[in-house]
Amino acid sequence: MSQVQLIARHTIAAGNEDQVYSLIDKLVAAARTEPGNVAFDVYRKSDDARSYVLLERYTSRDALAAHRDAQHFKDYLLDQIVPLLESRIIEEYDVPD
């Protein structure tokens, strides 16, 4: 089973930047503790403080599914961060063995 690379591109609705970045730090810290997580990093776009990307890698599709089922994913991302976003684009890639 190959690893999975996820690229999540988020644009924050104006005025919500500080709140989102505070929550993102908590999400990143929690996600890095997941058994199937290989990497979970956040990068702010250099010319747009409202935009950032999450680069996530998991050992398998099952590990990605477990991440999406984790309580911290639901609490931080779905319940608190997503409502503060202007846009959210998720890309999934299989990582060759």
Foldseek 3Di string as FASTA:
>chain_A
DFKKKKKKKFFFDPPCLVVLVVLVVVLLVVLVPQPFWPHWDKDADPVHSRIIMIITMGRDVVSVVVSCVDPSCCVRPVPPNVVRTPDMDMDMDTDDD
